């Protein structure tokens, strides 16, 4: 099980808007980091679950399933909306998607393509856009576009760490 569940995490967004180039690179790099991390992992280990927790492929699929959120939230902020779309905290899409039955290469390719679209959106923003904000419904605080990039990168790292835990748990 995760050492510090995502839902229990809190965030403060006190860094300057100028952090956005660093965050774009973190967001851009996630597909490569996942590919490298699981390249030599067997199908059996990729689909192994500990209790009710997700497998490695389900963690990858979850990132793909939620790829629409940062994109949509950026669109909302640019459109001047006051409150961002909420995530489905039940993760229904991931639970029903059958990611363990998918070909890992196809799943990774789909995630890479989705992520490239998000990075293209981010790279198309001007510097003033990065400081625009709207209220995040769960954490109940304003979230700038730069914060969305940070939040997404942190979420990626959370799931990468979970994949690492599963790889270690099934080694041997």
C-alpha atoms as a PDB file:
ATOM      1  CA  UNK A   1       0.000   0.000   0.000  1.00  0.00           C
ATOM      2  CA  UNK A   2       1.168   3.560  -0.605  1.00  0.00           C
ATOM      3  CA  UNK A   3       3.127   5.079   2.242  1.00  0.00           C
ATOM      4  CA  UNK A   4       1.282   8.391   1.941  1.00  0.00           C
ATOM      5  CA  UNK A   5      -2.013   8.092   0.022  1.00  0.00           C
ATOM      6  CA  UNK A   6      -2.666  10.713  -2.640  1.00  0.00           C
ATOM      7  CA  UNK A   7      -5.992  11.744  -1.150  1.00  0.00           C
ATOM      8  CA  UNK A   8      -4.275  12.636   2.155  1.00  0.00           C
ATOM      9  CA  UNK A   9      -1.796  15.005   0.547  1.00  0.00           C
ATOM     10  CA  UNK A  10      -2.101  18.744   0.885  1.00  0.00           C
ATOM     11  CA  UNK A  11      -0.581  21.377  -1.339  1.00  0.00           C
ATOM     12  CA  UNK A  12       0.684  24.901  -1.038  1.00  0.00           C
ATOM     13  CA  UNK A  13       1.439  26.742  -4.225  1.00  0.00           C
ATOM     14  CA  UNK A  14       3.955  29.344  -3.122  1.00  0.00           C
ATOM     15  CA  UNK A  15       6.509  29.104  -5.908  1.00  0.00           C
ATOM     16  CA  UNK A  16       6.760  31.762  -8.620  1.00  0.00           C
ATOM     17  CA  UNK A  17       5.041  31.467 -11.980  1.00  0.00           C
ATOM     18  CA  UNK A  18       8.527  31.376 -13.501  1.00  0.00           C
ATOM     19  CA  UNK A  19       8.821  27.735 -12.392  1.00  0.00           C
ATOM     20  CA  UNK A  20       6.716  26.666 -15.377  1.00  0.00           C
ATOM     21  CA  UNK A  21       9.629  25.616 -17.674  1.00  0.00           C
ATOM     22  CA  UNK A  22      10.843  23.133 -15.027  1.00  0.00           C
ATOM     23  CA  UNK A  23       7.342  21.756 -14.610  1.00  0.00           C
ATOM     24  CA  UNK A  24       6.795  21.328 -18.346  1.00  0.00           C
ATOM     25  CA  UNK A  25       9.897  19.139 -18.386  1.00  0.00           C
ATOM     26  CA  UNK A  26       8.638  17.008 -15.497  1.00  0.00           C
ATOM     27  CA  UNK A  27       5.283  16.545 -17.217  1.00  0.00           C
ATOM     28  CA  UNK A  28       6.989  15.808 -20.564  1.00  0.00           C
ATOM     29  CA  UNK A  29       9.326  13.235 -19.021  1.00  0.00           C
ATOM     30  CA  UNK A  30       6.786  10.967 -17.344  1.00  0.00           C
ATOM     31  CA  UNK A  31       6.190   8.621 -20.305  1.00  0.00           C
ATOM     32  CA  UNK A  32       9.930   8.027 -20.737  1.00  0.00           C
ATOM     33  CA  UNK A  33      10.376   7.469 -17.008  1.00  0.00           C
ATOM     34  CA  UNK A  34       7.580   4.892 -16.976  1.00  0.00           C
ATOM     35  CA  UNK A  35       8.898   3.161 -20.099  1.00  0.00           C
ATOM     36  CA  UNK A  36      12.374   2.923 -18.589  1.00  0.00           C
ATOM     37  CA  UNK A  37      11.031   1.760 -15.233  1.00  0.00           C
ATOM     38  CA  UNK A  38       8.971  -1.134 -16.615  1.00  0.00           C
ATOM     39  CA  UNK A  39      10.979  -2.101 -19.731  1.00  0.00           C
ATOM     40  CA  UNK A  40      12.247  -5.388 -18.317  1.00  0.00           C
ATOM     41  CA  UNK A  41       9.266  -6.227 -16.122  1.00  0.00           C
ATOM     42  CA  UNK A  42       7.351  -9.388 -17.037  1.00  0.00           C
ATOM     43  CA  UNK A  43       3.666  -9.343 -17.938  1.00  0.00           C
ATOM     44  CA  UNK A  44       2.952 -11.305 -14.764  1.00  0.00           C
ATOM     45  CA  UNK A  45       4.606  -8.634 -12.632  1.00  0.00           C
ATOM     46  CA  UNK A  46       2.990  -5.802 -14.615  1.00  0.00           C
ATOM     47  CA  UNK A  47      -0.459  -7.180 -13.776  1.00  0.00           C
ATOM     48  CA  UNK A  48       0.247  -8.296 -10.185  1.00  0.00           C
ATOM     49  CA  UNK A  49      -2.015  -6.714  -7.572  1.00  0.00           C
ATOM     50  CA  UNK A  50      -1.545  -6.506  -3.825  1.00  0.00           C
ATOM     51  CA  UNK A  51      -4.999  -6.830  -2.319  1.00  0.00           C
ATOM     52  CA  UNK A  52      -7.300  -4.158  -3.729  1.00  0.00           C
ATOM     53  CA  UNK A  53      -4.472  -1.926  -4.929  1.00  0.00           C
ATOM     54  CA  UNK A  54      -3.780  -1.382  -8.618  1.00  0.00           C
ATOM     55  CA  UNK A  55      -1.194  -3.235 -10.647  1.00  0.00           C
ATOM     56  CA  UNK A  56       1.610  -1.466 -12.500  1.00  0.00           C
ATOM     57  CA  UNK A  57      -0.451  -1.428 -15.708  1.00  0.00           C
ATOM     58  CA  UNK A  58      -3.461  -0.098 -13.838  1.00  0.00           C
ATOM     59  CA  UNK A  59      -1.318   2.722 -12.450  1.00  0.00           C
ATOM     60  CA  UNK A  60      -0.163   3.582 -15.985  1.00  0.00           C
ATOM     61  CA  UNK A  61      -3.735   3.356 -17.236  1.00  0.00           C
ATOM     62  CA  UNK A  62      -4.919   5.598 -14.433  1.00  0.00           C
ATOM     63  CA  UNK A  63      -2.531   8.333 -15.569  1.00  0.00           C
ATOM     64  CA  UNK A  64      -3.927   7.938 -19.071  1.00  0.00           C
ATOM     65  CA  UNK A  65      -7.504   7.948 -17.765  1.00  0.00           C
ATOM     66  CA  UNK A  66      -6.923  11.243 -15.962  1.00  0.00           C
ATOM     67  CA  UNK A  67      -5.046  12.900 -18.804  1.00  0.00           C
ATOM     68  CA  UNK A  68      -8.084  14.957 -19.689  1.00  0.00           C
ATOM     69  CA  UNK A  69      -8.110  16.719 -16.291  1.00  0.00           C
ATOM     70  CA  UNK A  70      -5.133  19.089 -16.575  1.00  0.00           C
ATOM     71  CA  UNK A  71      -6.037  19.798 -20.197  1.00  0.00           C
ATOM     72  CA  UNK A  72      -9.640  20.609 -19.290  1.00  0.00           C
ATOM     73  CA  UNK A  73      -8.616  22.649 -16.261  1.00  0.00           C
ATOM     74  CA  UNK A  74      -6.258  24.770 -18.346  1.00  0.00           C
ATOM     75  CA  UNK A  75      -9.091  25.370 -20.827  1.00  0.00           C
ATOM     76  CA  UNK A  76     -11.405  26.363 -17.963  1.00  0.00           C
ATOM     77  CA  UNK A  77      -8.940  28.884 -16.558  1.00  0.00           C
ATOM     78  CA  UNK A  78      -8.283  30.392 -19.976  1.00  0.00           C
ATOM     79  CA  UNK A  79     -12.059  30.675 -20.478  1.00  0.00           C
ATOM     80  CA  UNK A  80     -12.370  32.586 -17.202  1.00  0.00           C
ATOM     81  CA  UNK A  81     -14.310  29.937 -15.285  1.00  0.00           C
ATOM     82  CA  UNK A  82     -14.240  30.274 -11.489  1.00  0.00           C
ATOM     83  CA  UNK A  83     -14.213  26.609 -10.407  1.00  0.00           C
ATOM     84  CA  UNK A  84     -12.299  23.727 -11.950  1.00  0.00           C
ATOM     85  CA  UNK A  85     -13.777  20.394 -12.916  1.00  0.00           C
ATOM     86  CA  UNK A  86     -13.599  17.830 -10.129  1.00  0.00           C
ATOM     87  CA  UNK A  87     -11.859  14.505 -10.538  1.00  0.00           C
ATOM     88  CA  UNK A  88     -13.885  11.339 -10.045  1.00  0.00           C
ATOM     89  CA  UNK A  89     -12.349  10.278  -6.749  1.00  0.00           C
ATOM     90  CA  UNK A  90     -13.951   6.830  -7.076  1.00  0.00           C
ATOM     91  CA  UNK A  91     -11.716   6.290 -10.146  1.00  0.00           C
ATOM     92  CA  UNK A  92     -14.546   4.463 -11.880  1.00  0.00           C
ATOM     93  CA  UNK A  93     -12.914   4.770 -15.303  1.00  0.00           C
ATOM     94  CA  UNK A  94      -9.703   3.088 -14.135  1.00  0.00           C
ATOM     95  CA  UNK A  95     -11.541   0.334 -12.292  1.00  0.00           C
ATOM     96  CA  UNK A  96     -13.614  -0.482 -15.387  1.00  0.00           C
ATOM     97  CA  UNK A  97     -10.978  -0.003 -18.082  1.00  0.00           C
ATOM     98  CA  UNK A  98      -9.376  -3.447 -18.090  1.00  0.00           C
ATOM     99  CA  UNK A  99      -5.847  -2.058 -18.232  1.00  0.00           C
ATOM    100  CA  UNK A 100      -4.372  -5.409 -17.155  1.00  0.00           C
ATOM    101  CA  UNK A 101      -5.698  -6.916 -20.386  1.00  0.00           C
ATOM    102  CA  UNK A 102      -4.078  -4.253 -22.566  1.00  0.00           C
ATOM    103  CA  UNK A 103      -0.805  -4.644 -24.372  1.00  0.00           C
ATOM    104  CA  UNK A 104       1.764  -2.686 -22.311  1.00  0.00           C
ATOM    105  CA  UNK A 105       3.348  -1.120 -25.402  1.00  0.00           C
ATOM    106  CA  UNK A 106      -0.057   0.066 -26.651  1.00  0.00           C
ATOM    107  CA  UNK A 107      -0.948   1.478 -23.229  1.00  0.00           C
ATOM    108  CA  UNK A 108       2.377   3.315 -23.012  1.00  0.00           C
ATOM    109  CA  UNK A 109       1.977   4.663 -26.556  1.00  0.00           C
ATOM    110  CA  UNK A 110      -1.493   5.968 -25.742  1.00  0.00           C
ATOM    111  CA  UNK A 111      -0.193   7.648 -22.594  1.00  0.00           C
ATOM    112  CA  UNK A 112       2.738   9.189 -24.477  1.00  0.00           C
ATOM    113  CA  UNK A 113       0.386  10.577 -27.162  1.00  0.00           C
ATOM    114  CA  UNK A 114      -1.980  12.044 -24.559  1.00  0.00           C
ATOM    115  CA  UNK A 115       0.917  13.574 -22.669  1.00  0.00           C
ATOM    116  CA  UNK A 116       2.384  15.105 -25.832  1.00  0.00           C
ATOM    117  CA  UNK A 117      -0.927  16.916 -26.360  1.00  0.00           C
ATOM    118  CA  UNK A 118      -0.817  18.306 -22.819  1.00  0.00           C
ATOM    119  CA  UNK A 119       2.785  19.456 -23.235  1.00  0.00           C
ATOM    120  CA  UNK A 120       1.896  21.114 -26.554  1.00  0.00           C
ATOM    121  CA  UNK A 121      -0.900  22.994 -24.797  1.00  0.00           C
ATOM    122  CA  UNK A 122       1.468  24.094 -22.035  1.00  0.00           C
ATOM    123  CA  UNK A 123       4.135  25.193 -24.503  1.00  0.00           C
ATOM    124  CA  UNK A 124       1.535  27.257 -26.337  1.00  0.00           C
ATOM    125  CA  UNK A 125       0.734  29.355 -23.284  1.00  0.00           C
ATOM    126  CA  UNK A 126       2.198  32.786 -22.812  1.00  0.00           C
ATOM    127  CA  UNK A 127       3.861  33.646 -19.515  1.00  0.00           C
ATOM    128  CA  UNK A 128       0.873  35.679 -18.284  1.00  0.00           C
ATOM    129  CA  UNK A 129      -1.408  32.645 -18.721  1.00  0.00           C
ATOM    130  CA  UNK A 130       0.635  30.597 -16.245  1.00  0.00           C
ATOM    131  CA  UNK A 131      -0.455  32.889 -13.397  1.00  0.00           C
ATOM    132  CA  UNK A 132      -4.194  32.712 -14.111  1.00  0.00           C
ATOM    133  CA  UNK A 133      -6.243  30.648 -11.668  1.00  0.00           C
ATOM    134  CA  UNK A 134      -9.540  29.091 -10.624  1.00  0.00           C
ATOM    135  CA  UNK A 135     -10.700  27.269  -7.509  1.00  0.00           C
ATOM    136  CA  UNK A 136      -9.771  23.596  -7.189  1.00  0.00           C
ATOM    137  CA  UNK A 137     -12.921  21.870  -5.843  1.00  0.00           C
ATOM    138  CA  UNK A 138     -11.269  19.242  -3.603  1.00  0.00           C
ATOM    139  CA  UNK A 139      -8.371  21.144  -2.095  1.00  0.00           C
ATOM    140  CA  UNK A 140     -10.466  24.319  -1.793  1.00  0.00           C
ATOM    141  CA  UNK A 141      -7.833  26.772  -2.926  1.00  0.00           C
ATOM    142  CA  UNK A 142      -7.041  28.708  -6.074  1.00  0.00           C
ATOM    143  CA  UNK A 143      -4.918  26.813  -8.553  1.00  0.00           C
ATOM    144  CA  UNK A 144      -2.898  28.642 -11.187  1.00  0.00           C
ATOM    145  CA  UNK A 145      -1.991  26.954 -14.452  1.00  0.00           C
ATOM    146  CA  UNK A 146       1.568  26.622 -13.124  1.00  0.00           C
ATOM    147  CA  UNK A 147       0.055  24.830 -10.100  1.00  0.00           C
ATOM    148  CA  UNK A 148      -1.829  22.469 -12.394  1.00  0.00           C
ATOM    149  CA  UNK A 149       1.493  21.493 -13.977  1.00  0.00           C
ATOM    150  CA  UNK A 150       2.995  20.954 -10.516  1.00  0.00           C
ATOM    151  CA  UNK A 151      -0.034  18.988  -9.299  1.00  0.00           C
ATOM    152  CA  UNK A 152       0.060  16.766 -12.390  1.00  0.00           C
ATOM    153  CA  UNK A 153       3.810  16.174 -12.034  1.00  0.00           C
ATOM    154  CA  UNK A 154       3.364  15.272  -8.356  1.00  0.00           C
ATOM    155  CA  UNK A 155       0.530  12.895  -9.257  1.00  0.00           C
ATOM    156  CA  UNK A 156       2.789  11.276 -11.878  1.00  0.00           C
ATOM    157  CA  UNK A 157       5.565  10.846  -9.302  1.00  0.00           C
ATOM    158  CA  UNK A 158       3.111   9.338  -6.819  1.00  0.00           C
ATOM    159  CA  UNK A 159       2.148   6.655  -9.324  1.00  0.00           C
ATOM    160  CA  UNK A 160       5.740   6.105 -10.450  1.00  0.00           C
ATOM    161  CA  UNK A 161       6.669   5.495  -6.818  1.00  0.00           C
ATOM    162  CA  UNK A 162       3.793   3.038  -6.513  1.00  0.00           C
ATOM    163  CA  UNK A 163       5.056   1.210  -9.614  1.00  0.00           C
ATOM    164  CA  UNK A 164       8.491   1.028  -7.995  1.00  0.00           C
ATOM    165  CA  UNK A 165       6.974  -0.448  -4.842  1.00  0.00           C
ATOM    166  CA  UNK A 166       5.218  -3.117  -6.913  1.00  0.00           C
ATOM    167  CA  UNK A 167       8.377  -3.928  -8.869  1.00  0.00           C
ATOM    168  CA  UNK A 168      10.285  -4.409  -5.613  1.00  0.00           C
ATOM    169  CA  UNK A 169       7.453  -6.455  -4.074  1.00  0.00           C
ATOM    170  CA  UNK A 170       7.411  -8.882  -7.010  1.00  0.00           C
ATOM    171  CA  UNK A 171      11.197  -9.171  -7.496  1.00  0.00           C
ATOM    172  CA  UNK A 172      12.858 -12.502  -7.031  1.00  0.00           C
END
